[in-house]
Amino acid sequence: MKKLPRISGRECVKAGIPGEELFRSLAAKTGGTIMRFTVTIERDEDGVWVVECPSIPGCVSQGKTRPEALENIREAIRLCLEVRAEQGLPLTVETSQVEVVA
């Protein structure tokens, strides 16, 4: 897996580059692939935002603000994918949605 340059959300805002445009630009320049993941996000009892990527076991991050937590999970996902690739593990595990009558 190719390593993408690490550019923070703050740097994108300063440069006036929308997130989606930045990802496409980086993918084109590096030959990388844009991967889209579902994440869960919630506040814990201390007000910290906790974000998890269910399709990558153990991939969890947090932040003081929601935007910071989302920026941090992007980095965590990149690192988790690198480690899983190095260890020869599947990059993701299957996730599914189920319907429940409540």
PDB file of N, CA and C in Angstrom:
ATOM      1  N   MET A   1       0.842  -1.167   0.000  1.00  0.00           N
ATOM      2  CA  MET A   1       0.000   0.000   0.000  1.00  0.00           C
ATOM      3  C   MET A   1       0.890   1.232   0.000  1.00  0.00           C
ATOM      4  N   LYS A   2       0.615   2.169  -0.900  1.00  0.00           N
ATOM      5  CA  LYS A   2       1.378   3.408  -0.959  1.00  0.00           C
ATOM      6  C   LYS A   2       0.991   4.314   0.188  1.00  0.00           C
ATOM      7  N   LYS A   3       1.985   4.985   0.746  1.00  0.00           N
ATOM      8  CA  LYS A   3       1.706   5.942   1.809  1.00  0.00           C
ATOM      9  C   LYS A   3       1.312   7.271   1.172  1.00  0.00           C
ATOM     10  N   LEU A   4       0.181   7.804   1.602  1.00  0.00           N
ATOM     11  CA  LEU A   4      -0.247   9.115   1.132  1.00  0.00           C
ATOM     12  C   LEU A   4       0.367  10.187   2.007  1.00  0.00           C
ATOM     13  N   PRO A   5       0.677  11.345   1.427  1.00  0.00           N
ATOM     14  CA  PRO A   5       1.188  12.438   2.261  1.00  0.00           C
ATOM     15  C   PRO A   5       0.179  12.771   3.346  1.00  0.00           C
ATOM     16  N   ARG A   6       0.664  13.100   4.504  1.00  0.00           N
ATOM     17  CA  ARG A   6      -0.216  13.426   5.613  1.00  0.00           C
ATOM     18  C   ARG A   6      -0.514  14.928   5.593  1.00  0.00           C
ATOM     19  N   ILE A   7      -1.752  15.264   5.322  1.00  0.00           N
ATOM     20  CA  ILE A   7      -2.182  16.658   5.288  1.00  0.00           C
ATOM     21  C   ILE A   7      -3.396  16.775   6.193  1.00  0.00           C
ATOM     22  N   SER A   8      -3.313  17.671   7.144  1.00  0.00           N
ATOM     23  CA  SER A   8      -4.407  17.801   8.108  1.00  0.00           C
ATOM     24  C   SER A   8      -5.565  18.590   7.529  1.00  0.00           C
ATOM     25  N   GLY A   9      -6.704  18.442   8.170  1.00  0.00           N
ATOM     26  CA  GLY A   9      -7.875  19.206   7.782  1.00  0.00           C
ATOM     27  C   GLY A   9      -7.625  20.696   7.899  1.00  0.00           C
ATOM     28  N   ARG A  10      -6.854  21.093   8.912  1.00  0.00           N
ATOM     29  CA  ARG A  10      -6.539  22.516   9.094  1.00  0.00           C
ATOM     30  C   ARG A  10      -5.753  23.045   7.903  1.00  0.00           C
ATOM     31  N   GLU A  11      -4.792  22.246   7.420  1.00  0.00           N
ATOM     32  CA  GLU A  11      -4.005  22.665   6.255  1.00  0.00           C
ATOM     33  C   GLU A  11      -4.893  22.804   5.022  1.00  0.00           C
ATOM     34  N   CYS A  12      -5.881  21.933   4.885  1.00  0.00           N
ATOM     35  CA  CYS A  12      -6.813  22.005   3.758  1.00  0.00           C
ATOM     36  C   CYS A  12      -7.609  23.297   3.813  1.00  0.00           C
ATOM     37  N   VAL A  13      -8.080  23.633   5.007  1.00  0.00           N
ATOM     38  CA  VAL A  13      -8.874  24.847   5.161  1.00  0.00           C
ATOM     39  C   VAL A  13      -8.016  26.063   4.834  1.00  0.00           C
ATOM     40  N   LYS A  14      -6.779  26.094   5.346  1.00  0.00           N
ATOM     41  CA  LYS A  14      -5.875  27.216   5.066  1.00  0.00           C
ATOM     42  C   LYS A  14      -5.626  27.358   3.577  1.00  0.00           C
ATOM     43  N   ALA A  15      -5.490  26.220   2.885  1.00  0.00           N
ATOM     44  CA  ALA A  15      -5.216  26.244   1.451  1.00  0.00           C
ATOM     45  C   ALA A  15      -6.485  26.443   0.629  1.00  0.00           C
ATOM     46  N   GLY A  16      -7.630  26.417   1.297  1.00  0.00           N
ATOM     47  CA  GLY A  16      -8.897  26.596   0.584  1.00  0.00           C
ATOM     48  C   GLY A  16      -9.275  25.396  -0.270  1.00  0.00           C
ATOM     49  N   ILE A  17      -8.815  24.202   0.118  1.00  0.00           N
ATOM     50  CA  ILE A  17      -9.082  22.994  -0.662  1.00  0.00           C
ATOM     51  C   ILE A  17     -10.174  22.187   0.021  1.00  0.00           C
ATOM     52  N   PRO A  18     -11.309  21.958  -0.652  1.00  0.00           N
ATOM     53  CA  PRO A  18     -12.342  21.099  -0.054  1.00  0.00           C
ATOM     54  C   PRO A  18     -11.803  19.687   0.137  1.00  0.00           C
ATOM     55  N   GLY A  19     -12.245  18.998   1.196  1.00  0.00           N
ATOM     56  CA  GLY A  19     -11.742  17.670   1.530  1.00  0.00           C
ATOM     57  C   GLY A  19     -11.808  16.665   0.390  1.00  0.00           C
ATOM     58  N   GLU A  20     -12.969  16.566  -0.262  1.00  0.00           N
ATOM     59  CA  GLU A  20     -13.137  15.586  -1.339  1.00  0.00           C
ATOM     60  C   GLU A  20     -12.168  15.870  -2.486  1.00  0.00           C
ATOM     61  N   GLU A  21     -12.010  17.148  -2.819  1.00  0.00           N
ATOM     62  CA  GLU A  21     -11.094  17.537  -3.899  1.00  0.00           C
ATOM     63  C   GLU A  21      -9.653  17.190  -3.530  1.00  0.00           C
ATOM     64  N   LEU A  22      -9.293  17.409  -2.278  1.00  0.00           N
ATOM     65  CA  LEU A  22      -7.951  17.091  -1.821  1.00  0.00           C
ATOM     66  C   LEU A  22      -7.675  15.596  -1.947  1.00  0.00           C
ATOM     67  N   PHE A  23      -8.604  14.762  -1.484  1.00  0.00           N
ATOM     68  CA  PHE A  23      -8.405  13.319  -1.558  1.00  0.00           C
ATOM     69  C   PHE A  23      -8.236  12.862  -2.998  1.00  0.00           C
ATOM     70  N   ARG A  24      -9.064  13.371  -3.897  1.00  0.00           N
ATOM     71  CA  ARG A  24      -8.949  12.991  -5.310  1.00  0.00           C
ATOM     72  C   ARG A  24      -7.617  13.441  -5.893  1.00  0.00           C
ATOM     73  N   SER A  25      -7.171  14.639  -5.523  1.00  0.00           N
ATOM     74  CA  SER A  25      -5.898  15.163  -6.000  1.00  0.00           C
ATOM     75  C   SER A  25      -4.737  14.307  -5.497  1.00  0.00           C
ATOM     76  N   LEU A  26      -4.751  13.969  -4.207  1.00  0.00           N
ATOM     77  CA  LEU A  26      -3.696  13.126  -3.646  1.00  0.00           C
ATOM     78  C   LEU A  26      -3.678  11.748  -4.291  1.00  0.00           C
ATOM     79  N   ALA A  27      -4.861  11.179  -4.490  1.00  0.00           N
ATOM     80  CA  ALA A  27      -4.947   9.856  -5.111  1.00  0.00           C
ATOM     81  C   ALA A  27      -4.362   9.894  -6.519  1.00  0.00           C
ATOM     82  N   ALA A  28      -4.670  10.939  -7.276  1.00  0.00           N
ATOM     83  CA  ALA A  28      -4.165  11.064  -8.636  1.00  0.00           C
ATOM     84  C   ALA A  28      -2.642  11.234  -8.647  1.00  0.00           C
ATOM     85  N   LYS A  29      -2.115  12.032  -7.731  1.00  0.00           N
ATOM     86  CA  LYS A  29      -0.673  12.306  -7.693  1.00  0.00           C
ATOM     87  C   LYS A  29       0.136  11.108  -7.215  1.00  0.00           C
ATOM     88  N   THR A  30      -0.410  10.332  -6.294  1.00  0.00           N
ATOM     89  CA  THR A  30       0.350   9.240  -5.689  1.00  0.00           C
ATOM     90  C   THR A  30       0.007   7.871  -6.263  1.00  0.00           C
ATOM     91  N   GLY A  31      -1.038   7.801  -7.068  1.00  0.00           N
ATOM     92  CA  GLY A  31      -1.474   6.504  -7.559  1.00  0.00           C
ATOM     93  C   GLY A  31      -2.229   5.733  -6.492  1.00  0.00           C
ATOM     94  N   GLY A  32      -2.597   6.407  -5.412  1.00  0.00           N
ATOM     95  CA  GLY A  32      -3.328   5.768  -4.318  1.00  0.00           C
ATOM     96  C   GLY A  32      -4.797   5.620  -4.651  1.00  0.00           C
ATOM     97  N   THR A  33      -5.502   4.970  -3.775  1.00  0.00           N
ATOM     98  CA  THR A  33      -6.923   4.723  -3.952  1.00  0.00           C
ATOM     99  C   THR A  33      -7.701   5.400  -2.838  1.00  0.00           C
ATOM    100  N   ILE A  34      -8.807   6.017  -3.194  1.00  0.00           N
ATOM    101  CA  ILE A  34      -9.683   6.578  -2.172  1.00  0.00           C
ATOM    102  C   ILE A  34     -10.547   5.447  -1.641  1.00  0.00           C
ATOM    103  N   MET A  35     -10.520   5.266  -0.336  1.00  0.00           N
ATOM    104  CA  MET A  35     -11.342   4.247   0.297  1.00  0.00           C
ATOM    105  C   MET A  35     -12.320   4.967   1.215  1.00  0.00           C
ATOM    106  N   ARG A  36     -13.564   4.554   1.201  1.00  0.00           N
ATOM    107  CA  ARG A  36     -14.603   5.190   2.004  1.00  0.00           C
ATOM    108  C   ARG A  36     -15.024   4.219   3.109  1.00  0.00           C
ATOM    109  N   PHE A  37     -15.013   4.693   4.350  1.00  0.00           N
ATOM    110  CA  PHE A  37     -15.365   3.859   5.492  1.00  0.00           C
ATOM    111  C   PHE A  37     -16.493   4.497   6.296  1.00  0.00           C
ATOM    112  N   THR A  38     -17.346   3.672   6.837  1.00  0.00           N
ATOM    113  CA  THR A  38     -18.354   4.127   7.785  1.00  0.00           C
ATOM    114  C   THR A  38     -17.698   4.162   9.159  1.00  0.00           C
ATOM    115  N   VAL A  39     -17.950   5.234   9.912  1.00  0.00           N
ATOM    116  CA  VAL A  39     -17.440   5.326  11.268  1.00  0.00           C
ATOM    117  C   VAL A  39     -18.599   5.644  12.211  1.00  0.00           C
ATOM    118  N   THR A  40     -18.447   5.245  13.455  1.00  0.00           N
ATOM    119  CA  THR A  40     -19.409   5.637  14.478  1.00  0.00           C
ATOM    120  C   THR A  40     -18.767   6.751  15.292  1.00  0.00           C
ATOM    121  N   ILE A  41     -19.577   7.685  15.734  1.00  0.00           N
ATOM    122  CA  ILE A  41     -19.050   8.801  16.517  1.00  0.00           C
ATOM    123  C   ILE A  41     -20.024   9.121  17.637  1.00  0.00           C
ATOM    124  N   GLU A  42     -19.474   9.256  18.850  1.00  0.00           N
ATOM    125  CA  GLU A  42     -20.313   9.585  20.004  1.00  0.00           C
ATOM    126  C   GLU A  42     -19.462  10.302  21.038  1.00  0.00           C
ATOM    127  N   ARG A  43     -20.133  10.996  21.930  1.00  0.00           N
ATOM    128  CA  ARG A  43     -19.437  11.677  23.022  1.00  0.00           C
ATOM    129  C   ARG A  43     -19.450  10.785  24.251  1.00  0.00           C
ATOM    130  N   ASP A  44     -18.309  10.720  24.934  1.00  0.00           N
ATOM    131  CA  ASP A  44     -18.282   9.941  26.169  1.00  0.00           C
ATOM    132  C   ASP A  44     -18.715  10.815  27.348  1.00  0.00           C
ATOM    133  N   GLU A  45     -18.668  10.249  28.535  1.00  0.00           N
ATOM    134  CA  GLU A  45     -19.168  10.960  29.722  1.00  0.00           C
ATOM    135  C   GLU A  45     -18.345  12.205  30.065  1.00  0.00           C
ATOM    136  N   ASP A  46     -17.121  12.293  29.534  1.00  0.00           N
ATOM    137  CA  ASP A  46     -16.275  13.466  29.773  1.00  0.00           C
ATOM    138  C   ASP A  46     -16.377  14.496  28.657  1.00  0.00           C
ATOM    139  N   GLY A  47     -17.236  14.239  27.665  1.00  0.00           N
ATOM    140  CA  GLY A  47     -17.407  15.172  26.555  1.00  0.00           C
ATOM    141  C   GLY A  47     -16.423  14.980  25.416  1.00  0.00           C
ATOM    142  N   VAL A  48     -15.607  13.941  25.495  1.00  0.00           N
ATOM    143  CA  VAL A  48     -14.643  13.644  24.428  1.00  0.00           C
ATOM    144  C   VAL A  48     -15.365  12.894  23.310  1.00  0.00           C
ATOM    145  N   TRP A  49     -15.072  13.260  22.063  1.00  0.00           N
ATOM    146  CA  TRP A  49     -15.665  12.573  20.906  1.00  0.00           C
ATOM    147  C   TRP A  49     -14.862  11.306  20.630  1.00  0.00           C
ATOM    148  N   VAL A  50     -15.537  10.175  20.595  1.00  0.00           N
ATOM    149  CA  VAL A  50     -14.909   8.872  20.339  1.00  0.00           C
ATOM    150  C   VAL A  50     -15.425   8.360  18.995  1.00  0.00           C
ATOM    151  N   VAL A  51     -14.483   7.983  18.128  1.00  0.00           N
ATOM    152  CA  VAL A  51     -14.826   7.536  16.778  1.00  0.00           C
ATOM    153  C   VAL A  51     -14.241   6.151  16.555  1.00  0.00           C
ATOM    154  N   GLU A  52     -15.028   5.275  15.939  1.00  0.00           N
ATOM    155  CA  GLU A  52     -14.583   3.911  15.669  1.00  0.00           C
ATOM    156  C   GLU A  52     -14.921   3.539  14.240  1.00  0.00           C
ATOM    157  N   CYS A  53     -14.039   2.759  13.629  1.00  0.00           N
ATOM    158  CA  CYS A  53     -14.285   2.241  12.288  1.00  0.00           C
ATOM    159  C   CYS A  53     -14.604   0.752  12.432  1.00  0.00           C
ATOM    160  N   PRO A  54     -15.886   0.379  12.395  1.00  0.00           N
ATOM    161  CA  PRO A  54     -16.282  -1.007  12.659  1.00  0.00           C
ATOM    162  C   PRO A  54     -15.683  -2.037  11.695  1.00  0.00           C
ATOM    163  N   SER A  55     -15.345  -1.625  10.490  1.00  0.00           N
ATOM    164  CA  SER A  55     -14.831  -2.607   9.527  1.00  0.00           C
ATOM    165  C   SER A  55     -13.336  -2.889   9.692  1.00  0.00           C
ATOM    166  N   ILE A  56     -12.675  -2.164  10.618  1.00  0.00           N
ATOM    167  CA  ILE A  56     -11.260  -2.426  10.907  1.00  0.00           C
ATOM    168  C   ILE A  56     -11.152  -2.683  12.411  1.00  0.00           C
ATOM    169  N   PRO A  57     -10.986  -3.946  12.812  1.00  0.00           N
ATOM    170  CA  PRO A  57     -10.946  -4.274  14.239  1.00  0.00           C
ATOM    171  C   PRO A  57      -9.910  -3.448  14.999  1.00  0.00           C
ATOM    172  N   GLY A  58     -10.345  -2.856  16.118  1.00  0.00           N
ATOM    173  CA  GLY A  58      -9.442  -2.088  16.968  1.00  0.00           C
ATOM    174  C   GLY A  58      -9.136  -0.687  16.502  1.00  0.00           C
ATOM    175  N   CYS A  59      -9.745  -0.252  15.425  1.00  0.00           N
ATOM    176  CA  CYS A  59      -9.454   1.078  14.879  1.00  0.00           C
ATOM    177  C   CYS A  59     -10.372   2.104  15.539  1.00  0.00           C
ATOM    178  N   VAL A  60      -9.826   2.771  16.556  1.00  0.00           N
ATOM    179  CA  VAL A  60     -10.581   3.725  17.363  1.00  0.00           C
ATOM    180  C   VAL A  60      -9.724   4.962  17.563  1.00  0.00           C
ATOM    181  N   SER A  61     -10.363   6.124  17.617  1.00  0.00           N
ATOM    182  CA  SER A  61      -9.655   7.358  17.914  1.00  0.00           C
ATOM    183  C   SER A  61     -10.586   8.291  18.670  1.00  0.00           C
ATOM    184  N   GLN A  62     -10.095   9.468  19.000  1.00  0.00           N
ATOM    185  CA  GLN A  62     -10.909  10.425  19.746  1.00  0.00           C
ATOM    186  C   GLN A  62     -10.401  11.829  19.485  1.00  0.00           C
ATOM    187  N   GLY A  63     -11.143  12.807  19.973  1.00  0.00           N
ATOM    188  CA  GLY A  63     -10.744  14.197  19.863  1.00  0.00           C
ATOM    189  C   GLY A  63     -11.568  15.067  20.785  1.00  0.00           C
ATOM    190  N   LYS A  64     -11.051  16.246  21.078  1.00  0.00           N
ATOM    191  CA  LYS A  64     -11.780  17.184  21.931  1.00  0.00           C
ATOM    192  C   LYS A  64     -12.989  17.756  21.215  1.00  0.00           C
ATOM    193  N   THR A  65     -12.890  17.867  19.877  1.00  0.00           N
ATOM    194  CA  THR A  65     -14.003  18.352  19.072  1.00  0.00           C
ATOM    195  C   THR A  65     -14.359  17.292  18.052  1.00  0.00           C
ATOM    196  N   ARG A  66     -15.555  17.401  17.486  1.00  0.00           N
ATOM    197  CA  ARG A  66     -15.993  16.443  16.462  1.00  0.00           C
ATOM    198  C   ARG A  66     -15.059  16.478  15.247  1.00  0.00           C
ATOM    199  N   PRO A  67     -14.720  17.678  14.701  1.00  0.00           N
ATOM    200  CA  PRO A  67     -13.801  17.712  13.559  1.00  0.00           C
ATOM    201  C   PRO A  67     -12.431  17.114  13.876  1.00  0.00           C
ATOM    202  N   GLU A  68     -11.920  17.369  15.074  1.00  0.00           N
ATOM    203  CA  GLU A  68     -10.631  16.800  15.457  1.00  0.00           C
ATOM    204  C   GLU A  68     -10.715  15.279  15.526  1.00  0.00           C
ATOM    205  N   ALA A  69     -11.811  14.761  16.085  1.00  0.00           N
ATOM    206  CA  ALA A  69     -11.981  13.307  16.181  1.00  0.00           C
ATOM    207  C   ALA A  69     -12.039  12.676  14.787  1.00  0.00           C
ATOM    208  N   LEU A  70     -12.743  13.325  13.851  1.00  0.00           N
ATOM    209  CA  LEU A  70     -12.840  12.784  12.489  1.00  0.00           C
ATOM    210  C   LEU A  70     -11.489  12.848  11.778  1.00  0.00           C
ATOM    211  N   GLU A  71     -10.732  13.910  12.009  1.00  0.00           N
ATOM    212  CA  GLU A  71      -9.387  14.002  11.429  1.00  0.00           C
ATOM    213  C   GLU A  71      -8.505  12.885  12.001  1.00  0.00           C
ATOM    214  N   ASN A  72      -8.617  12.661  13.317  1.00  0.00           N
ATOM    215  CA  ASN A  72      -7.809  11.634  13.972  1.00  0.00           C
ATOM    216  C   ASN A  72      -8.163  10.232  13.493  1.00  0.00           C
ATOM    217  N   ILE A  73      -9.454   9.954  13.225  1.00  0.00           N
ATOM    218  CA  ILE A  73      -9.819   8.604  12.775  1.00  0.00           C
ATOM    219  C   ILE A  73      -9.295   8.360  11.366  1.00  0.00           C
ATOM    220  N   ARG A  74      -9.218   9.395  10.552  1.00  0.00           N
ATOM    221  CA  ARG A  74      -8.630   9.216   9.205  1.00  0.00           C
ATOM    222  C   ARG A  74      -7.187   8.736   9.318  1.00  0.00           C
ATOM    223  N   GLU A  75      -6.426   9.366  10.209  1.00  0.00           N
ATOM    224  CA  GLU A  75      -5.044   8.954  10.440  1.00  0.00           C
ATOM    225  C   GLU A  75      -4.992   7.538  11.004  1.00  0.00           C
ATOM    226  N   ALA A  76      -5.867   7.236  11.956  1.00  0.00           N
ATOM    227  CA  ALA A  76      -5.900   5.898  12.551  1.00  0.00           C
ATOM    228  C   ALA A  76      -6.221   4.839  11.500  1.00  0.00           C
ATOM    229  N   ILE A  77      -7.160   5.144  10.610  1.00  0.00           N
ATOM    230  CA  ILE A  77      -7.519   4.194   9.553  1.00  0.00           C
ATOM    231  C   ILE A  77      -6.319   3.944   8.653  1.00  0.00           C
ATOM    232  N   ARG A  78      -5.635   5.019   8.227  1.00  0.00           N
ATOM    233  CA  ARG A  78      -4.443   4.839   7.372  1.00  0.00           C
ATOM    234  C   ARG A  78      -3.413   3.947   8.054  1.00  0.00           C
ATOM    235  N   LEU A  79      -3.159   4.219   9.336  1.00  0.00           N
ATOM    236  CA  LEU A  79      -2.157   3.423  10.058  1.00  0.00           C
ATOM    237  C   LEU A  79      -2.607   1.985  10.252  1.00  0.00           C
ATOM    238  N   CYS A  80      -3.870   1.779  10.593  1.00  0.00           N
ATOM    239  CA  CYS A  80      -4.386   0.412  10.760  1.00  0.00           C
ATOM    240  C   CYS A  80      -4.280  -0.377   9.453  1.00  0.00           C
ATOM    241  N   LEU A  81      -4.603   0.267   8.342  1.00  0.00           N
ATOM    242  CA  LEU A  81      -4.505  -0.409   7.043  1.00  0.00           C
ATOM    243  C   LEU A  81      -3.056  -0.777   6.737  1.00  0.00           C
ATOM    244  N   GLU A  82      -2.123   0.117   7.041  1.00  0.00           N
ATOM    245  CA  GLU A  82      -0.700  -0.176   6.823  1.00  0.00           C
ATOM    246  C   GLU A  82      -0.267  -1.386   7.634  1.00  0.00           C
ATOM    247  N   VAL A  83      -0.612  -1.402   8.916  1.00  0.00           N
ATOM    248  CA  VAL A  83      -0.214  -2.505   9.803  1.00  0.00           C
ATOM    249  C   VAL A  83      -0.841  -3.813   9.346  1.00  0.00           C
ATOM    250  N   ARG A  84      -2.134  -3.791   9.018  1.00  0.00           N
ATOM    251  CA  ARG A  84      -2.804  -5.019   8.583  1.00  0.00           C
ATOM    252  C   ARG A  84      -2.172  -5.544   7.290  1.00  0.00           C
ATOM    253  N   ALA A  85      -1.807  -4.640   6.372  1.00  0.00           N
ATOM    254  CA  ALA A  85      -1.160  -5.062   5.119  1.00  0.00           C
ATOM    255  C   ALA A  85       0.212  -5.671   5.410  1.00  0.00           C
ATOM    256  N   GLU A  86       0.992  -5.036   6.291  1.00  0.00           N
ATOM    257  CA  GLU A  86       2.317  -5.553   6.655  1.00  0.00           C
ATOM    258  C   GLU A  86       2.230  -6.923   7.299  1.00  0.00           C
ATOM    259  N   GLN A  87       1.174  -7.160   8.069  1.00  0.00           N
ATOM    260  CA  GLN A  87       1.007  -8.437   8.771  1.00  0.00           C
ATOM    261  C   GLN A  87       0.298  -9.487   7.927  1.00  0.00           C
ATOM    262  N   GLY A  88      -0.075  -9.118   6.708  1.00  0.00           N
ATOM    263  CA  GLY A  88      -0.738 -10.074   5.825  1.00  0.00           C
ATOM    264  C   GLY A  88      -2.178 -10.361   6.219  1.00  0.00           C
ATOM    265  N   LEU A  89      -2.768  -9.480   7.002  1.00  0.00           N
ATOM    266  CA  LEU A  89      -4.167  -9.651   7.418  1.00  0.00           C
ATOM    267  C   LEU A  89      -5.093  -9.025   6.383  1.00  0.00           C
ATOM    268  N   PRO A  90      -6.341  -9.479   6.322  1.00  0.00           N
ATOM    269  CA  PRO A  90      -7.299  -8.785   5.449  1.00  0.00           C
ATOM    270  C   PRO A  90      -7.402  -7.332   5.917  1.00  0.00           C
ATOM    271  N   LEU A  91      -7.502  -6.405   4.979  1.00  0.00           N
ATOM    272  CA  LEU A  91      -7.542  -4.999   5.354  1.00  0.00           C
ATOM    273  C   LEU A  91      -8.774  -4.658   6.179  1.00  0.00           C
ATOM    274  N   THR A  92      -9.898  -5.288   5.854  1.00  0.00           N
ATOM    275  CA  THR A  92     -11.136  -5.013   6.574  1.00  0.00           C
ATOM    276  C   THR A  92     -11.857  -6.318   6.873  1.00  0.00           C
ATOM    277  N   VAL A  93     -12.827  -6.245   7.755  1.00  0.00           N
ATOM    278  CA  VAL A  93     -13.703  -7.376   8.016  1.00  0.00           C
ATOM    279  C   VAL A  93     -15.088  -7.001   7.522  1.00  0.00           C
ATOM    280  N   GLU A  94     -15.898  -7.995   7.249  1.00  0.00           N
ATOM    281  CA  GLU A  94     -17.229  -7.747   6.723  1.00  0.00           C
ATOM    282  C   GLU A  94     -18.111  -7.111   7.794  1.00  0.00           C
ATOM    283  N   THR A  95     -18.847  -6.103   7.384  1.00  0.00           N
ATOM    284  CA  THR A  95     -19.860  -5.527   8.254  1.00  0.00           C
ATOM    285  C   THR A  95     -21.186  -5.588   7.481  1.00  0.00           C
ATOM    286  N   SER A  96     -22.269  -5.536   8.214  1.00  0.00           N
ATOM    287  CA  SER A  96     -23.568  -5.635   7.585  1.00  0.00           C
ATOM    288  C   SER A  96     -24.578  -4.840   8.402  1.00  0.00           C
ATOM    289  N   GLN A  97     -25.662  -4.491   7.770  1.00  0.00           N
ATOM    290  CA  GLN A  97     -26.771  -3.852   8.476  1.00  0.00           C
ATOM    291  C   GLN A  97     -27.892  -4.870   8.603  1.00  0.00           C
ATOM    292  N   VAL A  98     -28.572  -4.835   9.722  1.00  0.00           N
ATOM    293  CA  VAL A  98     -29.710  -5.717   9.943  1.00  0.00           C
ATOM    294  C   VAL A  98     -30.917  -4.870  10.314  1.00  0.00           C
ATOM    295  N   GLU A  99     -32.091  -5.399  10.031  1.00  0.00           N
ATOM    296  CA  GLU A  99     -33.315  -4.705  10.393  1.00  0.00           C
ATOM    297  C   GLU A  99     -33.876  -5.319  11.659  1.00  0.00           C
ATOM    298  N   VAL A 100     -34.330  -4.466  12.553  1.00  0.00           N
ATOM    299  CA  VAL A 100     -34.899  -4.914  13.821  1.00  0.00           C
ATOM    300  C   VAL A 100     -36.204  -4.163  14.033  1.00  0.00           C
ATOM    301  N   VAL A 101     -37.232  -4.869  14.449  1.00  0.00           N
ATOM    302  CA  VAL A 101     -38.477  -4.217  14.815  1.00  0.00           C
ATOM    303  C   VAL A 101     -38.366  -3.845  16.280  1.00  0.00           C
ATOM    304  N   ALA A 102     -38.553  -2.563  16.566  1.00  0.00           N
ATOM    305  CA  ALA A 102     -38.408  -2.105  17.954  1.00  0.00           C
ATOM    306  C   ALA A 102     -39.693  -1.469  18.437  1.00  0.00           C
TER     307      ALA A 102
END
